[in-house]
Protein backbone atom coordinates (compact mmCIF):
# COMPACT_ATOMS: atom_id res chain seq x y z
CA MET A 1 -53.99 30.58 -98.92
CA THR A 2 -50.89 30.28 -101.07
CA ASP A 3 -48.67 28.87 -98.34
CA ASN A 4 -47.38 25.27 -98.59
CA VAL A 5 -48.69 24.78 -102.10
CA GLN A 6 -47.97 21.39 -103.61
CA VAL A 7 -48.23 19.98 -107.11
CA THR A 8 -50.82 17.24 -107.40
CA ALA A 9 -52.88 17.20 -110.60
CA CYS A 10 -50.06 16.48 -113.02
CA CYS A 11 -48.76 19.95 -113.91
CA GLY A 12 -51.37 21.57 -111.67
CA PRO A 13 -51.11 23.01 -108.17
CA SER A 14 -53.18 22.13 -105.15
CA ALA A 15 -54.36 25.25 -103.38
CA HIS A 16 -55.17 23.90 -99.93
CA PRO A 17 -53.10 20.88 -98.87
CA ALA A 18 -54.84 20.94 -95.48
CA SER A 19 -58.25 20.53 -97.09
CA SER A 20 -58.33 16.80 -97.59
CA SER A 21 -59.41 13.77 -95.62
CA GLY A 22 -62.20 14.06 -93.12
CA GLU A 23 -63.38 17.56 -93.99
CA PRO A 24 -67.03 18.24 -93.08
CA PRO A 25 -69.68 18.44 -95.83
CA ARG A 26 -70.09 21.93 -97.25
CA GLU A 27 -73.46 23.65 -97.34
CA LEU A 28 -74.64 24.25 -100.89
CA GLY A 29 -76.15 27.64 -100.12
CA PHE A 30 -79.25 27.01 -102.21
CA ALA A 31 -82.26 24.73 -102.23
CA VAL A 32 -81.90 21.77 -104.57
CA PRO A 33 -84.90 21.73 -106.90
CA ALA A 34 -87.02 18.63 -107.38
CA HIS A 35 -86.19 16.65 -110.50
CA ASP A 36 -87.92 14.06 -112.63
CA PRO A 37 -85.28 11.34 -113.13
CA LEU A 38 -86.36 10.78 -116.73
CA THR A 39 -85.96 14.47 -117.49
CA VAL A 40 -82.56 14.60 -115.78
CA VAL A 41 -81.05 11.92 -118.02
CA ARG A 42 -82.34 13.39 -121.26
CA GLY A 43 -79.34 13.94 -123.54
CA MET A 44 -77.03 11.87 -121.36
CA VAL A 45 -75.25 8.78 -122.69
CA ALA A 46 -76.39 5.38 -121.40
CA ILE A 47 -73.34 3.32 -120.41
CA PRO A 48 -74.16 -0.37 -120.22
CA GLY A 49 -73.45 -2.19 -117.00
CA GLY A 50 -70.89 -4.95 -116.96
CA MET A 51 -67.25 -5.78 -116.49
CA PHE A 52 -64.29 -3.95 -117.98
CA ARG A 53 -60.55 -4.10 -117.36
CA MET A 54 -59.55 -0.99 -115.42
CA GLY A 55 -56.05 0.43 -115.05
CA SER A 56 -52.86 -0.10 -116.99
CA GLU A 57 -49.48 -1.80 -116.70
CA ASP A 58 -47.89 -0.11 -119.72
CA PRO A 59 -44.21 0.85 -119.31
CA ASP A 60 -44.98 4.59 -119.26
CA THR A 61 -47.49 4.50 -116.43
CA PHE A 62 -46.86 6.35 -113.18
CA PRO A 63 -46.55 3.69 -110.44
CA ALA A 64 -46.96 6.25 -107.67
CA ASP A 65 -50.37 7.14 -109.11
CA GLY A 66 -51.66 3.60 -108.65
CA GLU A 67 -52.66 3.05 -112.27
CA GLY A 68 -52.09 -0.67 -111.96
CA PRO A 69 -52.56 -3.47 -111.66
CA VAL A 70 -55.10 -4.13 -114.37
CA ARG A 71 -58.17 -5.54 -112.62
CA GLU A 72 -61.68 -6.62 -113.50
CA VAL A 73 -64.21 -4.01 -112.43
CA THR A 74 -67.96 -4.39 -112.79
CA VAL A 75 -70.25 -1.36 -112.72
CA ALA A 76 -74.03 -1.08 -112.92
CA GLY A 77 -75.50 0.74 -115.90
CA PHE A 78 -75.47 4.52 -115.55
CA ARG A 79 -75.75 7.74 -117.52
CA ILE A 80 -73.03 10.31 -118.17
CA ASP A 81 -72.85 13.62 -119.97
CA PRO A 82 -71.34 13.32 -123.44
CA LYS A 83 -69.52 16.62 -122.89
CA ALA A 84 -67.93 18.54 -120.04
CA VAL A 85 -70.09 21.22 -118.42
CA THR A 86 -69.77 24.45 -120.39
CA ASN A 87 -69.44 28.07 -119.37
CA ALA A 88 -72.98 28.67 -120.63
CA GLN A 89 -74.39 25.83 -118.53
CA PHE A 90 -72.52 26.95 -115.44
CA ALA A 91 -73.72 30.53 -115.96
CA ARG A 92 -77.34 29.32 -115.92
CA PHE A 93 -76.66 27.52 -112.65
CA VAL A 94 -75.14 30.62 -111.08
CA LYS A 95 -78.00 32.81 -112.30
CA ALA A 96 -80.57 30.42 -110.81
CA THR A 97 -78.86 29.97 -107.43
CA GLY A 98 -76.53 32.89 -106.81
CA TYR A 99 -73.78 30.36 -106.15
CA ARG A 100 -70.24 31.65 -105.56
CA THR A 101 -67.37 29.35 -106.46
CA ASP A 102 -64.40 28.67 -104.22
CA ALA A 103 -62.19 30.85 -106.45
CA GLU A 104 -64.64 33.72 -106.08
CA ARG A 105 -64.79 33.29 -102.31
CA PHE A 106 -61.00 33.05 -101.97
CA GLY A 107 -60.43 35.92 -104.41
CA TRP A 108 -57.93 34.22 -106.71
CA SER A 109 -57.06 31.12 -108.70
CA TYR A 110 -54.16 29.60 -110.68
CA VAL A 111 -53.55 30.71 -114.28
CA PHE A 112 -50.98 29.27 -116.70
CA HIS A 113 -48.18 31.85 -117.03
CA GLN A 114 -48.49 32.36 -120.80
CA PHE A 115 -52.14 33.37 -120.45
CA VAL A 116 -51.57 36.17 -117.94
CA GLY A 117 -52.12 39.41 -119.85
CA ARG A 118 -51.00 42.95 -119.04
CA GLU A 119 -54.00 43.80 -116.86
CA ALA A 120 -53.92 40.49 -114.99
CA ALA A 121 -50.15 40.75 -114.43
CA ALA A 122 -50.76 43.52 -111.91
CA HIS A 123 -52.85 41.05 -109.87
CA VAL A 124 -50.32 38.20 -109.62
CA LEU A 125 -49.88 37.32 -105.97
CA ASP A 126 -46.53 36.97 -104.25
CA ALA A 127 -46.33 33.20 -104.24
CA HIS A 128 -44.97 30.37 -106.33
CA VAL A 129 -45.60 26.68 -106.89
CA PRO A 130 -42.53 24.54 -106.16
CA GLY A 131 -41.87 22.30 -109.15
CA ALA A 132 -44.43 24.07 -111.33
CA PRO A 133 -43.46 27.75 -111.73
CA TRP A 134 -45.66 28.00 -114.82
CA TRP A 135 -48.68 28.41 -112.52
CA LEU A 136 -49.34 31.91 -111.23
CA PRO A 137 -51.88 32.76 -108.50
CA VAL A 138 -53.90 35.61 -109.99
CA GLY A 139 -56.28 37.78 -108.01
CA GLY A 140 -59.67 37.94 -109.70
CA ALA A 141 -59.20 34.78 -111.78
CA THR A 142 -62.50 32.87 -111.74
CA TRP A 143 -64.71 30.89 -114.08
CA ARG A 144 -66.00 34.25 -115.40
CA ALA A 145 -62.47 35.59 -115.96
CA PRO A 146 -60.31 32.53 -116.72
CA GLU A 147 -57.10 34.50 -117.26
CA GLY A 148 -57.82 37.03 -114.53
CA PRO A 149 -58.83 40.70 -114.84
CA GLY A 150 -59.26 41.75 -118.45
CA SER A 151 -60.49 38.32 -119.59
CA ASP A 152 -63.98 36.88 -119.94
CA VAL A 153 -65.85 33.91 -121.38
CA GLY A 154 -67.95 35.89 -123.83
CA GLN A 155 -66.56 34.01 -126.82
CA ARG A 156 -66.21 30.71 -124.96
CA ALA A 157 -69.79 29.77 -124.12
CA ASN A 158 -69.19 26.25 -125.50
CA HIS A 159 -65.84 25.75 -123.79
CA PRO A 160 -65.58 23.80 -120.53
CA VAL A 161 -66.00 25.82 -117.37
CA VAL A 162 -62.71 26.02 -115.44
CA HIS A 163 -61.54 27.39 -112.10
CA VAL A 164 -64.13 25.16 -110.46
CA SER A 165 -63.30 23.11 -107.38
CA TRP A 166 -64.61 19.67 -106.49
CA HIS A 167 -67.09 21.43 -104.20
CA ASP A 168 -68.25 23.64 -107.08
CA ALA A 169 -68.64 20.69 -109.42
CA GLY A 170 -70.69 18.81 -106.83
CA ALA A 171 -72.90 21.85 -106.23
CA TYR A 172 -73.69 22.14 -109.93
CA ALA A 173 -74.37 18.41 -110.17
CA ALA A 174 -76.79 18.55 -107.22
CA TRP A 175 -78.64 21.50 -108.77
CA ALA A 176 -78.95 19.58 -112.05
CA GLY A 177 -80.23 16.43 -110.31
CA LYS A 178 -77.03 14.60 -111.15
CA ARG A 179 -73.78 13.66 -109.43
CA LEU A 180 -70.10 13.33 -110.19
CA PRO A 181 -69.10 10.00 -111.73
CA THR A 182 -67.18 7.50 -109.72
CA GLU A 183 -63.67 6.92 -110.98
CA ALA A 184 -64.61 3.46 -112.24
CA GLU A 185 -67.64 4.87 -114.09
CA TRP A 186 -65.51 7.60 -115.61
CA GLU A 187 -62.91 5.16 -116.94
CA LYS A 188 -65.47 2.72 -118.31
CA ALA A 189 -67.21 5.54 -120.15
CA ALA A 190 -63.95 7.12 -121.32
CA ARG A 191 -62.77 3.86 -122.85
CA GLY A 192 -65.73 3.88 -125.22
CA GLY A 193 -66.04 0.11 -125.23
CA LEU A 194 -62.40 -0.58 -126.11
CA ASP A 195 -60.41 -3.02 -124.00
CA GLN A 196 -57.12 -1.71 -122.61
CA ALA A 197 -56.55 0.80 -125.41
CA ARG A 198 -54.20 3.65 -124.49
CA PHE A 199 -56.60 6.32 -125.69
CA PRO A 200 -60.38 6.55 -126.15
CA TRP A 201 -59.91 5.90 -129.89
CA GLY A 202 -57.17 3.25 -129.84
CA ASP A 203 -53.43 2.91 -129.26
CA GLU A 204 -52.01 5.41 -131.77
CA PHE A 205 -51.94 9.00 -130.51
CA THR A 206 -52.38 10.68 -133.90
CA PRO A 207 -53.87 8.08 -136.25
CA ARG A 208 -53.15 8.96 -139.89
CA GLY A 209 -51.53 12.12 -138.58
CA GLN A 210 -54.81 13.49 -137.20
CA HIS A 211 -55.06 15.05 -133.76
CA ARG A 212 -57.80 13.47 -131.68
CA CYS A 213 -57.50 15.53 -128.51
CA ASN A 214 -56.30 18.86 -127.12
CA THR A 215 -52.85 18.57 -125.52
CA TRP A 216 -49.54 20.45 -125.68
CA GLN A 217 -47.34 20.30 -128.78
CA GLY A 218 -43.87 21.77 -128.74
CA THR A 219 -41.54 22.29 -125.79
CA PHE A 220 -43.29 22.44 -122.42
CA PRO A 221 -43.78 24.90 -120.77
CA ARG A 222 -42.47 27.60 -123.09
CA HIS A 223 -43.56 26.87 -126.66
CA ASN A 224 -46.86 25.38 -127.75
CA THR A 225 -47.18 25.12 -131.51
CA GLY A 226 -50.95 24.68 -131.31
CA ASP A 227 -50.84 22.06 -134.04
CA ASP A 228 -54.04 20.51 -132.66
CA GLY A 229 -55.84 23.81 -133.25
CA HIS A 230 -55.89 25.09 -129.66
CA LEU A 231 -53.53 26.72 -127.16
CA GLY A 232 -55.95 26.78 -124.22
CA THR A 233 -59.31 25.10 -123.84
CA ALA A 234 -61.19 23.81 -126.87
CA PRO A 235 -64.97 23.61 -127.33
CA VAL A 236 -66.43 20.67 -125.44
CA ASP A 237 -67.43 18.95 -128.69
CA ALA A 238 -64.08 19.37 -130.42
CA TYR A 239 -62.60 16.28 -132.08
CA ARG A 240 -64.36 12.97 -132.64
CA PRO A 241 -66.32 11.29 -129.85
CA ASN A 242 -65.35 7.86 -128.55
CA GLY A 243 -67.30 4.68 -129.16
CA TYR A 244 -69.93 5.61 -126.55
CA GLY A 245 -70.34 9.14 -127.90
CA LEU A 246 -68.26 10.97 -125.27
CA PHE A 247 -66.14 13.95 -126.30
CA ASN A 248 -62.74 14.95 -124.94
CA THR A 249 -62.13 12.29 -122.34
CA SER A 250 -58.45 12.77 -123.18
CA GLY A 251 -56.98 16.25 -122.95
CA ASN A 252 -58.76 19.63 -122.86
CA VAL A 253 -59.49 19.78 -119.09
CA TRP A 254 -59.05 17.53 -116.11
CA GLU A 255 -62.39 16.22 -114.85
CA TRP A 256 -63.36 15.76 -111.20
CA CYS A 257 -64.61 12.37 -110.02
CA GLY A 258 -66.52 11.66 -106.84
CA ASP A 259 -63.89 9.41 -105.21
CA TRP A 260 -61.21 10.15 -102.70
CA PHE A 261 -57.82 9.20 -104.11
CA SER A 262 -55.82 6.15 -103.09
CA ALA A 263 -52.82 4.64 -104.83
CA ASP A 264 -53.00 1.44 -102.77
CA LEU A 265 -56.62 0.42 -102.22
CA HIS A 266 -56.70 -1.78 -105.33
CA ARG A 267 -53.09 -3.03 -105.28
CA ASP A 268 -54.15 -6.65 -104.78
CA GLY A 269 -55.78 -6.64 -108.22
CA ALA A 270 -58.92 -8.32 -106.89
CA PRO A 271 -62.13 -7.98 -108.93
CA GLN A 272 -64.34 -5.11 -107.79
CA THR A 273 -68.01 -4.26 -108.15
CA ASP A 274 -69.12 -0.63 -108.21
CA PRO A 275 -66.07 0.64 -106.29
CA ARG A 276 -66.47 4.02 -104.64
CA GLY A 277 -62.91 4.67 -103.46
CA PRO A 278 -61.74 5.05 -99.85
CA ASP A 279 -63.60 6.91 -97.11
CA SER A 280 -60.94 9.64 -97.04
CA GLY A 281 -57.71 10.56 -98.71
CA PRO A 282 -55.21 13.26 -99.63
CA GLY A 283 -57.40 14.59 -102.46
CA ARG A 284 -60.18 13.86 -104.90
CA VAL A 285 -59.57 11.97 -108.13
CA VAL A 286 -59.23 13.88 -111.40
CA ARG A 287 -59.05 12.12 -114.74
CA GLY A 288 -58.41 12.74 -118.43
CA GLY A 289 -55.46 15.14 -118.63
CA SER A 290 -55.62 18.65 -120.07
CA TYR A 291 -54.42 21.01 -122.77
CA LEU A 292 -51.14 21.31 -120.81
CA CYS A 293 -50.26 17.60 -120.89
CA HIS A 294 -47.20 16.71 -122.95
CA ASP A 295 -45.36 13.45 -123.44
CA SER A 296 -42.09 14.93 -122.20
CA TYR A 297 -43.56 15.97 -118.86
CA CYS A 298 -46.98 14.45 -118.23
CA ASN A 299 -48.62 11.89 -120.49
CA ARG A 300 -51.66 11.56 -118.27
CA TYR A 301 -53.96 12.06 -121.24
CA ARG A 302 -53.87 8.26 -121.48
CA VAL A 303 -57.27 6.84 -120.59
CA ALA A 304 -55.98 4.84 -117.59
CA ALA A 305 -53.99 7.72 -116.09
CA ARG A 306 -55.11 9.24 -112.81
CA THR A 307 -54.09 11.80 -110.24
CA MET A 308 -55.68 14.02 -107.58
CA SER A 309 -56.24 17.52 -106.26
CA THR A 310 -57.54 18.79 -102.93
CA PRO A 311 -61.31 19.44 -103.06
CA ASP A 312 -60.96 23.23 -103.04
CA SER A 313 -58.22 23.43 -105.69
CA THR A 314 -59.05 25.64 -108.67
CA THR A 315 -57.04 26.07 -111.86
CA GLY A 316 -57.49 27.11 -115.46
CA HIS A 317 -57.30 23.50 -116.68
CA THR A 318 -59.81 21.66 -114.48
CA GLY A 319 -63.52 21.15 -115.16
CA PHE A 320 -66.02 18.30 -114.90
CA ARG A 321 -68.88 16.34 -116.43
CA CYS A 322 -71.84 14.84 -114.59
CA ALA A 323 -73.24 11.35 -114.21
CA ALA A 324 -76.60 9.99 -113.04
CA ASP A 325 -78.07 6.68 -112.02
CA GLU A 326 -79.94 4.78 -114.71
CA PRO A 327 -83.65 5.37 -113.98
CA GLY A 328 -85.25 2.22 -112.65
CA LEU A 329 -82.03 0.50 -111.61
CA PRO A 330 -81.66 -0.06 -107.86
CA ARG A 331 -78.61 1.39 -106.12
């Protein structure tokens, strides 16, 4: 499983480069319960339908990622979780369904090198990630044991669940009567009503010297000062929410979207309505950046930034939040 690993999600590895376009749907392994749509959306944020300007043409964008051009995108009204799915929420899902994540089935996942403790060090597999040696494949690393053997989530119930693949995120969403957001929905919600701002709160990264998200401070990948209060994941409600009431749409953990990735599909800049991405691609879209993003290496904590991972990739810095259709609106 560790052969031919490539770096995709910013400073994150992709576990299965062959698992990409055209793969067959995966069986959930459990019966999806019936849901009342009005109950499903309780506690979710209502994002108004309408047009927003998606993408960026700032000088520090990544052209290969297809951030630009800026284009007018219209989406129908929808609902989205104000926070990423937590360890506690995911544990309830697993208890109800017996679901096993991709990392549990494969037997390992990627852990950032500084988080690998003495017990987990004995379980590091003989593999490396070209271009990102700070990622170590650790046997036994899962959502329950984010740093591998010897770790647990006992004190992190309100932190985002990690080591979940796109398949795992979709399974949870189906169980909850929800779905993953489209990339356009995610960006509209993440912007919080601001037009073309660099971050969910505006253009200044630390307004009045205050940290507004969980990223890396110091010299990547060796020294993180933790000036923002966190070295790894932060609670899902850390920092101030954006104008729509969403927390941590910059930094903390990458978030899976429903779309296949393309850097070219929107290159003509034409207006779009409810885009769903291409029918296939090299990976699924992830958005938002993570606690490992740093301006010197990866500034993809900007709200327009985007990248991808293969659908079965699992790492210690990737999670998700769910979306749902607005009850009563046709789709």
